[in-house]
Every structure is written in C-alpha cells, then in structure tokens.
Amino acid sequence: MGDAIPVQLGGPPDIEIDGALVAQGLGLDVATFRELMTIRKVGVLCERGTGEDAGLYRASFYHEGRRVRLVVDASGQPVEYPTQPHPAAERPDNCHHNVTIAR
C-alpha cells in the first residue's frame, strides 16, 4: 500500500446559494426550480476545496441531463459564475441536498 493521506471529516457546511443563478443555468424559472428542489428532482453535489482552494466550495446541480456548477465562498457568494448549461451524462448516485437555496 502507498502512503496514507489525512482525511478530515466534518459536518456539512451551511451554504446559501442564489437560486435564481442556478435556475437560469438549468434553463428553468425560479418557481419551477424551487419546486423541483423540494421534491428532490434536482441533484446537488457540494465539494469542499483543499490546498489553495481552501474556503471555496464547488456546487454542482443536476436536472434532466443538464449540469450547472458554481464555485462559491463560505457565504455562498459566487467567485466563479456558471457559463452555459453543460450536458451531464448522468447524475452521480451520491448527490446530496446539502446546499440551501437562498430565497
């Protein structure tokens, strides 16, 4: 086996992201996007940055073959805005709803 690497586990961070940004990126109106989030039809994967990206998070949202990714700081403010919606081959099985959408 190779050298061990440290893994730091913690509870999920509380991050609020502007729902209008995500809705627009998925080609949805905000009300429809919120409803889809409520009924868990939008997958969310949030990744915590390490090293030089410490303090940043990449939130990926998946719906009907589309993906929108935002890089945000700990307060949910985008530091990198989404471009065009990207096709997503498949939504990862490990998508979690650990991101709050700001109203």
Protein backbone atom coordinates (compact mmCIF):
# COMPACT_ATOMS: atom_id res chain seq x y z
CA MET A 1 0.00 0.00 0.00
CA GLY A 2 1.04 3.60 -0.58
CA ASP A 3 1.47 6.35 1.96
CA ALA A 4 -1.61 7.25 3.97
CA ILE A 5 -3.21 10.63 3.41
CA PRO A 6 -5.11 12.53 6.08
CA VAL A 7 -8.85 12.82 5.59
CA GLN A 8 -10.61 15.49 7.55
CA LEU A 9 -14.31 14.88 8.07
CA GLY A 10 -16.76 17.40 9.39
CA GLY A 11 -20.43 18.18 9.25
CA PRO A 12 -21.82 19.67 6.08
CA PRO A 13 -21.32 23.42 5.86
CA ASP A 14 -24.31 25.76 5.78
CA ILE A 15 -24.07 27.47 2.41
CA GLU A 16 -26.82 29.50 0.77
CA ILE A 17 -26.63 29.93 -2.98
CA ASP A 18 -28.77 32.28 -5.07
CA GLY A 19 -31.46 30.03 -6.55
CA ALA A 20 -32.03 32.38 -9.49
CA LEU A 21 -28.46 31.78 -10.71
CA VAL A 22 -28.92 28.02 -10.62
CA ALA A 23 -32.41 28.12 -12.14
CA GLN A 24 -31.17 30.25 -15.02
CA GLY A 25 -28.25 27.91 -15.60
CA LEU A 26 -30.62 24.93 -15.78
CA GLY A 27 -32.99 26.77 -18.12
CA LEU A 28 -35.78 26.91 -15.52
CA ASP A 29 -37.80 29.68 -13.93
CA VAL A 30 -37.14 30.16 -10.23
CA ALA A 31 -40.53 28.84 -9.04
CA THR A 32 -40.14 25.62 -11.05
CA PHE A 33 -36.58 25.19 -9.82
CA ARG A 34 -37.65 25.59 -6.17
CA GLU A 35 -40.45 23.06 -6.62
CA LEU A 36 -38.05 20.57 -8.22
CA MET A 37 -35.63 21.06 -5.31
CA THR A 38 -38.45 20.46 -2.82
CA ILE A 39 -39.45 17.18 -4.45
CA ARG A 40 -35.80 16.18 -4.84
CA LYS A 41 -35.74 16.17 -8.63
CA VAL A 42 -32.57 18.29 -8.73
CA GLY A 43 -29.42 16.55 -7.58
CA VAL A 44 -26.80 18.56 -5.71
CA LEU A 45 -23.19 17.68 -5.08
CA CYS A 46 -21.11 20.07 -2.96
CA GLU A 47 -17.32 19.68 -2.86
CA ARG A 48 -15.05 21.44 -0.38
CA GLY A 49 -11.84 22.98 -1.71
CA THR A 50 -8.46 21.99 -0.30
CA GLY A 51 -4.98 23.47 -0.50
CA GLU A 52 -5.05 26.72 -2.46
CA ASP A 53 -8.84 26.28 -2.88
CA ALA A 54 -9.49 26.01 0.88
CA GLY A 55 -12.52 28.09 1.85
CA LEU A 56 -14.17 27.57 -1.53
CA TYR A 57 -16.91 25.13 -2.49
CA ARG A 58 -17.99 23.78 -5.87
CA ALA A 59 -21.73 23.16 -6.03
CA SER A 60 -22.98 21.09 -8.96
CA PHE A 61 -26.70 20.92 -9.73
CA TYR A 62 -28.13 18.17 -11.98
CA HIS A 63 -31.53 18.03 -13.67
CA GLU A 64 -32.69 16.11 -16.75
CA GLY A 65 -29.28 15.69 -18.29
CA ARG A 66 -28.10 19.22 -17.51
CA ARG A 67 -25.45 20.34 -15.06
CA VAL A 68 -24.65 23.75 -13.61
CA ARG A 69 -21.56 24.29 -11.48
CA LEU A 70 -20.83 27.26 -9.27
CA VAL A 71 -17.71 27.95 -7.24
CA VAL A 72 -18.69 29.88 -4.13
CA ASP A 73 -17.08 31.12 -0.95
CA ALA A 74 -18.24 30.07 2.53
CA SER A 75 -21.01 32.69 2.46
CA GLY A 76 -22.39 31.33 -0.83
CA GLN A 77 -21.18 34.23 -2.95
CA PRO A 78 -20.04 33.10 -6.39
CA VAL A 79 -16.37 33.55 -7.14
CA GLU A 80 -16.82 31.84 -10.49
CA TYR A 81 -20.09 32.22 -12.38
CA PRO A 82 -21.62 29.45 -14.44
CA THR A 83 -21.31 29.62 -18.17
CA GLN A 84 -23.72 27.82 -20.46
CA PRO A 85 -25.51 24.77 -19.08
CA HIS A 86 -23.43 21.67 -19.64
CA PRO A 87 -24.84 18.32 -20.60
CA ALA A 88 -24.30 15.81 -17.84
CA ALA A 89 -24.03 12.21 -18.91
CA GLU A 90 -25.58 11.08 -15.65
CA ARG A 91 -26.30 12.50 -12.27
CA PRO A 92 -23.91 10.94 -9.76
CA ASP A 93 -25.56 8.42 -7.45
CA ASN A 94 -24.07 10.19 -4.45
CA CYS A 95 -25.81 13.53 -4.99
CA HIS A 96 -26.92 15.12 -1.75
CA HIS A 97 -29.07 18.10 -0.92
CA ASN A 98 -26.63 19.80 1.42
CA VAL A 99 -26.87 23.24 -0.12
CA THR A 100 -29.61 25.70 0.82
CA ILE A 101 -31.08 27.79 -1.96
CA ALA A 102 -31.50 31.43 -0.96
CA ARG A 103 -34.97 32.88 -1.40
